C-alpha atoms as a PDB file:
ATOM      1  CA  MET A   1     122.704 160.376 102.323  1.00  0.00           C
ATOM      2  CA  GLY A   2     121.952 156.910 103.657  1.00  0.00           C
ATOM      3  CA  THR A   3     119.604 155.907 100.848  1.00  0.00           C
ATOM      4  CA  ARG A   4     120.019 153.616  97.880  1.00  0.00           C
ATOM      5  CA  THR A   5     119.437 154.844  94.365  1.00  0.00           C
ATOM      6  CA  ARG A   6     119.322 152.671  91.257  1.00  0.00           C
ATOM      7  CA  GLY A   7     120.772 149.681  93.078  1.00  0.00           C
ATOM      8  CA  GLN A   8     123.800 151.582  94.328  1.00  0.00           C
ATOM      9  CA  LEU A   9     124.938 151.504  97.940  1.00  0.00           C
ATOM     10  CA  SER A  10     125.215 154.574 100.109  1.00  0.00           C
ATOM     11  CA  LEU A  11     128.720 155.613 101.161  1.00  0.00           C
ATOM     12  CA  VAL A  12     128.124 154.108 104.591  1.00  0.00           C
ATOM     13  CA  GLU A  13     126.894 150.795 103.185  1.00  0.00           C
ATOM     14  CA  ALA A  14     129.766 150.567 100.700  1.00  0.00           C
ATOM     15  CA  GLU A  15     132.307 151.289 103.440  1.00  0.00           C
ATOM     16  CA  ARG A  16     130.693 148.658 105.661  1.00  0.00           C
ATOM     17  CA  ARG A  17     131.044 146.105 102.859  1.00  0.00           C
ATOM     18  CA  ARG A  18     134.729 146.959 102.314  1.00  0.00           C
ATOM     19  CA  LEU A  19     135.400 146.622 106.047  1.00  0.00           C
ATOM     20  CA  GLN A  20     133.606 143.284 106.029  1.00  0.00           C
ATOM     21  CA  ALA A  21     135.975 142.245 103.234  1.00  0.00           C
ATOM     22  CA  ALA A  22     138.923 143.325 105.413  1.00  0.00           C
ATOM     23  CA  ASP A  23     137.652 141.069 108.204  1.00  0.00           C
ATOM     24  CA  LEU A  24     137.436 138.181 105.763  1.00  0.00           C
ATOM     25  CA  PHE A  25     140.970 138.886 104.462  1.00  0.00           C
ATOM     26  CA  GLU A  26     142.229 138.809 108.059  1.00  0.00           C
ATOM     27  CA  GLN A  27     140.600 135.385 108.467  1.00  0.00           C
ATOM     28  CA  GLY A  28     142.559 134.177 105.447  1.00  0.00           C
ATOM     29  CA  MET A  29     139.620 133.877 103.078  1.00  0.00           C
ATOM     30  CA  ARG A  30     140.585 133.752  99.387  1.00  0.00           C
ATOM     31  CA  GLN A  31     139.681 136.785  97.287  1.00  0.00           C
ATOM     32  CA  SER A  32     137.397 134.760  95.003  1.00  0.00           C
ATOM     33  CA  LYS A  33     135.415 133.538  98.022  1.00  0.00           C
ATOM     34  CA  VAL A  34     135.190 137.099  99.435  1.00  0.00           C
ATOM     35  CA  ALA A  35     133.735 138.238  96.096  1.00  0.00           C
ATOM     36  CA  GLU A  36     131.200 135.415  96.197  1.00  0.00           C
ATOM     37  CA  VAL A  37     130.203 136.015  99.832  1.00  0.00           C
ATOM     38  CA  LEU A  38     129.791 139.774  99.383  1.00  0.00           C
ATOM     39  CA  GLY A  39     128.224 139.575  95.916  1.00  0.00           C
ATOM     40  CA  VAL A  40     130.796 141.807  94.241  1.00  0.00           C
ATOM     41  CA  SER A  41     133.216 141.432  91.343  1.00  0.00           C
ATOM     42  CA  ARG A  42     136.583 139.767  91.766  1.00  0.00           C
ATOM     43  CA  GLN A  43     138.139 142.933  90.350  1.00  0.00           C
ATOM     44  CA  ALA A  44     136.645 145.034  93.168  1.00  0.00           C
ATOM     45  CA  VAL A  45     137.889 142.566  95.772  1.00  0.00           C
ATOM     46  CA  SER A  46     141.338 142.587  94.189  1.00  0.00           C
ATOM     47  CA  LEU A  47     141.495 146.383  94.529  1.00  0.00           C
ATOM     48  CA  TRP A  48     140.278 146.213  98.129  1.00  0.00           C
ATOM     49  CA  HIS A  49     142.779 143.486  98.963  1.00  0.00           C
ATOM     50  CA  ARG A  50     145.683 145.512  97.583  1.00  0.00           C
ATOM     51  CA  ALA A  51     144.589 148.587  99.551  1.00  0.00           C
ATOM     52  CA  TRP A  52     144.111 146.480 102.698  1.00  0.00           C
ATOM     53  CA  ARG A  53     147.505 144.799 102.305  1.00  0.00           C
ATOM     54  CA  GLU A  54     149.223 148.188 101.907  1.00  0.00           C
ATOM     55  CA  GLY A  55     147.277 150.187 104.512  1.00  0.00           C
ATOM     56  CA  GLY A  56     145.147 147.876 106.625  1.00  0.00           C
ATOM     57  CA  SER A  57     141.456 148.409 107.274  1.00  0.00           C
ATOM     58  CA  ASP A  58     141.971 152.191 107.392  1.00  0.00           C
ATOM     59  CA  ALA A  59     142.789 152.094 103.678  1.00  0.00           C
ATOM     60  CA  LEU A  60     139.236 150.879 103.027  1.00  0.00           C
ATOM     61  CA  LEU A  61     137.487 153.720 104.830  1.00  0.00           C
ATOM     62  CA  SER A  62     135.426 156.140 102.774  1.00  0.00           C
ATOM     63  CA  THR A  63     137.110 159.336 101.660  1.00  0.00           C
ATOM     64  CA  GLY A  64     133.789 160.997 100.897  1.00  0.00           C
ATOM     65  CA  PRO A  65     131.657 161.362  97.787  1.00  0.00           C
ATOM     66  CA  GLY A  66     133.090 161.476  94.316  1.00  0.00           C
ATOM     67  CA  GLY A  67     136.587 161.070  93.039  1.00  0.00           C
ATOM     68  CA  ARG A  68     139.417 163.334  92.139  1.00  0.00           C
ATOM     69  CA  SER A  69     138.726 165.673  89.256  1.00  0.00           C
ATOM     70  CA  TYR A  70     140.698 165.307  86.059  1.00  0.00           C
ATOM     71  CA  LEU A  71     140.255 169.010  85.424  1.00  0.00           C
ATOM     72  CA  SER A  72     142.613 171.695  86.618  1.00  0.00           C
ATOM     73  CA  ALA A  73     141.251 174.409  88.911  1.00  0.00           C
ATOM     74  CA  GLY A  74     141.228 176.774  85.926  1.00  0.00           C
ATOM     75  CA  GLN A  75     139.213 174.368  83.803  1.00  0.00           C
ATOM     76  CA  GLU A  76     136.714 173.861  86.625  1.00  0.00           C
ATOM     77  CA  ALA A  77     136.354 177.642  86.978  1.00  0.00           C
ATOM     78  CA  GLU A  78     135.528 177.893  83.266  1.00  0.00           C
ATOM     79  CA  LEU A  79     132.638 175.468  83.800  1.00  0.00           C
ATOM     80  CA  GLU A  80     131.062 177.344  86.703  1.00  0.00           C
ATOM     81  CA  VAL A  81     127.800 179.138  86.057  1.00  0.00           C
ATOM     82  CA  PRO A  82     127.781 182.852  86.990  1.00  0.00           C
ATOM     83  CA  PRO A  83     125.719 183.813  90.082  1.00  0.00           C
ATOM     84  CA  ASP A  84     123.002 185.382  87.915  1.00  0.00           C
ATOM     85  CA  GLY A  85     122.632 182.089  86.045  1.00  0.00           C
ATOM     86  CA  LEU A  86     123.112 183.770  82.669  1.00  0.00           C
ATOM     87  CA  ILE A  87     125.693 182.327  80.330  1.00  0.00           C
ATOM     88  CA  ALA A  88     127.212 184.846  77.961  1.00  0.00           C
END
C-alpha cells in the first residue's frame, strides 16, 4: 500500500502531509502559505484547516481507503457478483 500510482500519494503519505499542515496551522501560518509550501490547492487546505480547528490533529488522521458509499446496503448487494461468477 505504500506506493504511488499516477501521481497520487499513498494513504500514509497523504496523512503525513495533512499532519504537516496541522503543524503549520499551529505555528500560525496562513492557509494560502500552507497550500504553497505543501504544493496543494487552497481548497484542500481550507478543508484541512476546518477539520483541524474542529478536532485538532486527530481530525486529519486517515480513516482508511475510500469514502462512504452513496448506495444503501441493498443496492450494494444487487451489484455483487455471485460466487460462481455467472450473471443471470
